[in-house]
Amino acid sequence: MTRIKYNNDLIHYMTIFEHVTRTKVKDVIVGEKILYIVSPGQISKAIGKKGANVKLLELKLKKKVKFVEFNEDVAQFIQNLIYPSNPHKITDNDGEIVIEDSDTKTKALLIGRNSKNLAFLNSTVKRYFDIKQIKVI
């Protein structure tokens, strides 16, 4: 688990999110798209009716956005992060998270080109949980 530091840009993204959705944001991660992590039970309010808040944020920020609901359980949090992918099983073996799936297409999407998606997933989960690594088998 790492200490989270916010700069002015991240605070700006958080302020816009809270103004548009009228919900509190737990964290924001900016990359190719903007990932907003919201508190448990707040995801439907954040998305809005028929995804209105998502569309409005994408228009304002001119980037794709994704909302993820935080969960204290590491397996459920990972499941929320990789949605709509639905692996067979996510297990925690003493700090080593194993995502099991038999479908090669799902595995390829989880890993990504040059392990980019897996590295992003790994760094995001390490922000909140004390884990060693994430493996896809």
Protein backbone atom coordinates (compact mmCIF):
# COMPACT_ATOMS: atom_id res chain seq x y z
CA MET A 1 0.00 0.00 0.00
CA THR A 2 1.46 3.33 -1.04
CA ARG A 3 0.82 6.79 0.26
CA ILE A 4 -1.41 8.68 -2.16
CA LYS A 5 -0.33 12.20 -3.12
CA TYR A 6 -2.56 14.60 -5.02
CA ASN A 7 -1.36 17.42 -7.24
CA ASN A 8 -3.41 20.35 -8.56
CA ASP A 9 -4.49 18.49 -11.69
CA LEU A 10 -5.88 15.55 -9.71
CA ILE A 11 -7.69 17.86 -7.32
CA HIS A 12 -9.15 19.66 -10.35
CA TYR A 13 -10.46 16.34 -11.76
CA MET A 14 -11.90 15.43 -8.36
CA THR A 15 -13.66 18.78 -8.04
CA ILE A 16 -15.25 18.49 -11.47
CA PHE A 17 -16.41 14.95 -10.64
CA GLU A 18 -17.96 15.99 -7.33
CA HIS A 19 -19.65 19.00 -8.93
CA VAL A 20 -21.18 16.97 -11.77
CA THR A 21 -22.18 13.83 -9.84
CA ARG A 22 -22.85 15.34 -6.40
CA THR A 23 -21.02 12.39 -4.80
CA LYS A 24 -17.67 12.09 -3.05
CA VAL A 25 -14.75 10.56 -4.94
CA LYS A 26 -12.25 8.36 -3.11
CA ASP A 27 -9.47 8.60 -5.68
CA VAL A 28 -8.75 9.54 -9.29
CA ILE A 29 -6.12 8.01 -11.55
CA VAL A 30 -5.28 9.75 -14.80
CA GLY A 31 -3.83 7.84 -17.74
CA GLU A 32 -5.18 7.16 -21.22
CA LYS A 33 -8.55 7.45 -19.55
CA ILE A 34 -9.59 8.84 -16.20
CA LEU A 35 -10.44 6.27 -13.53
CA TYR A 36 -12.63 7.50 -10.70
CA ILE A 37 -12.86 5.31 -7.60
CA VAL A 38 -16.01 6.03 -5.61
CA SER A 39 -17.08 5.00 -2.12
CA PRO A 40 -19.12 1.80 -1.64
CA GLY A 41 -22.78 2.23 -2.49
CA GLN A 42 -22.26 5.44 -4.48
CA ILE A 43 -21.61 4.01 -7.96
CA SER A 44 -25.19 4.27 -9.28
CA LYS A 45 -25.52 7.86 -8.09
CA ALA A 46 -22.16 8.71 -9.66
CA ILE A 47 -23.09 7.20 -13.04
CA GLY A 48 -26.49 8.89 -13.10
CA LYS A 49 -29.62 7.99 -15.03
CA LYS A 50 -28.73 6.26 -18.30
CA GLY A 51 -25.06 7.23 -17.80
CA ALA A 52 -25.75 10.97 -17.99
CA ASN A 53 -22.93 11.90 -15.61
CA VAL A 54 -20.43 9.74 -17.50
CA LYS A 55 -21.32 11.40 -20.79
CA LEU A 56 -21.17 14.88 -19.27
CA LEU A 57 -17.75 14.26 -17.70
CA GLU A 58 -16.40 12.87 -20.97
CA LEU A 59 -17.58 16.01 -22.75
CA LYS A 60 -16.09 18.36 -20.15
CA LEU A 61 -12.77 16.55 -19.79
CA LYS A 62 -12.44 15.42 -23.43
CA LYS A 63 -11.25 11.99 -22.22
CA LYS A 64 -12.86 8.63 -21.60
CA VAL A 65 -13.84 8.07 -17.97
CA LYS A 66 -14.49 4.92 -15.97
CA PHE A 67 -16.12 4.64 -12.57
CA VAL A 68 -15.17 1.86 -10.14
CA GLU A 69 -16.72 1.14 -6.76
CA PHE A 70 -14.22 0.63 -3.94
CA ASN A 71 -14.52 -2.49 -1.78
CA GLU A 72 -12.58 -3.53 1.33
CA ASP A 73 -12.29 -7.07 -0.08
CA VAL A 74 -9.36 -7.18 -2.50
CA ALA A 75 -10.96 -9.84 -4.73
CA GLN A 76 -14.19 -7.86 -5.10
CA PHE A 77 -12.26 -4.64 -5.74
CA ILE A 78 -10.31 -6.35 -8.54
CA GLN A 79 -13.58 -7.72 -9.93
CA ASN A 80 -14.94 -4.16 -9.99
CA LEU A 81 -11.77 -2.89 -11.72
CA ILE A 82 -11.81 -5.48 -14.50
CA TYR A 83 -15.56 -5.30 -15.14
CA PRO A 84 -17.06 -6.33 -17.67
CA SER A 85 -14.55 -9.22 -17.74
CA ASN A 86 -15.81 -12.03 -15.56
CA PRO A 87 -13.04 -14.47 -14.59
CA HIS A 88 -13.81 -17.85 -13.03
CA LYS A 89 -11.99 -17.18 -9.77
CA ILE A 90 -9.92 -14.51 -8.01
CA THR A 91 -7.90 -15.79 -5.06
CA ASP A 92 -5.51 -14.18 -2.58
CA ASN A 93 -2.56 -16.45 -1.74
CA ASP A 94 -0.64 -14.61 0.96
CA GLY A 95 -0.39 -11.31 -0.92
CA GLU A 96 -0.20 -12.87 -4.37
CA ILE A 97 -3.47 -12.39 -6.26
CA VAL A 98 -4.30 -15.05 -8.85
CA ILE A 99 -6.97 -14.40 -11.50
CA GLU A 100 -8.05 -17.67 -13.11
CA ASP A 101 -9.90 -17.95 -16.40
CA SER A 102 -9.97 -20.55 -19.16
CA ASP A 103 -10.86 -18.10 -21.95
CA THR A 104 -7.71 -16.94 -23.75
CA LYS A 105 -9.42 -13.77 -25.01
CA THR A 106 -10.23 -12.67 -21.45
CA LYS A 107 -6.67 -13.41 -20.34
CA ALA A 108 -5.30 -11.39 -23.25
CA LEU A 109 -7.52 -8.43 -22.36
CA LEU A 110 -6.47 -8.59 -18.71
CA ILE A 111 -2.77 -8.73 -19.52
CA GLY A 112 -2.74 -6.32 -22.47
CA ARG A 113 0.03 -5.56 -24.93
CA ASN A 114 3.43 -5.59 -23.20
CA SER A 115 1.56 -6.34 -19.92
CA LYS A 116 0.30 -2.75 -19.85
CA ASN A 117 -3.17 -3.59 -18.47
CA LEU A 118 -1.76 -5.96 -15.85
CA ALA A 119 0.79 -3.35 -14.69
CA PHE A 120 -1.96 -0.73 -14.37
CA LEU A 121 -4.15 -3.17 -12.42
CA ASN A 122 -1.22 -4.07 -10.19
CA SER A 123 -0.34 -0.44 -9.40
CA THR A 124 -3.97 0.51 -8.77
CA VAL A 125 -4.58 -2.34 -6.32
CA LYS A 126 -1.28 -1.64 -4.53
CA ARG A 127 -2.54 1.87 -3.73
CA TYR A 128 -5.08 0.38 -1.30
CA PHE A 129 -3.94 -3.14 -0.40
CA ASP A 130 -0.65 -4.66 0.72
CA ILE A 131 -0.09 -7.18 -2.08
CA LYS A 132 3.00 -8.52 -3.84
CA GLN A 133 1.73 -9.03 -7.37
CA ILE A 134 -1.20 -10.05 -9.56
CA LYS A 135 -1.01 -13.07 -11.86
CA VAL A 136 -3.37 -14.13 -14.64
CA ILE A 137 -3.52 -17.88 -15.32
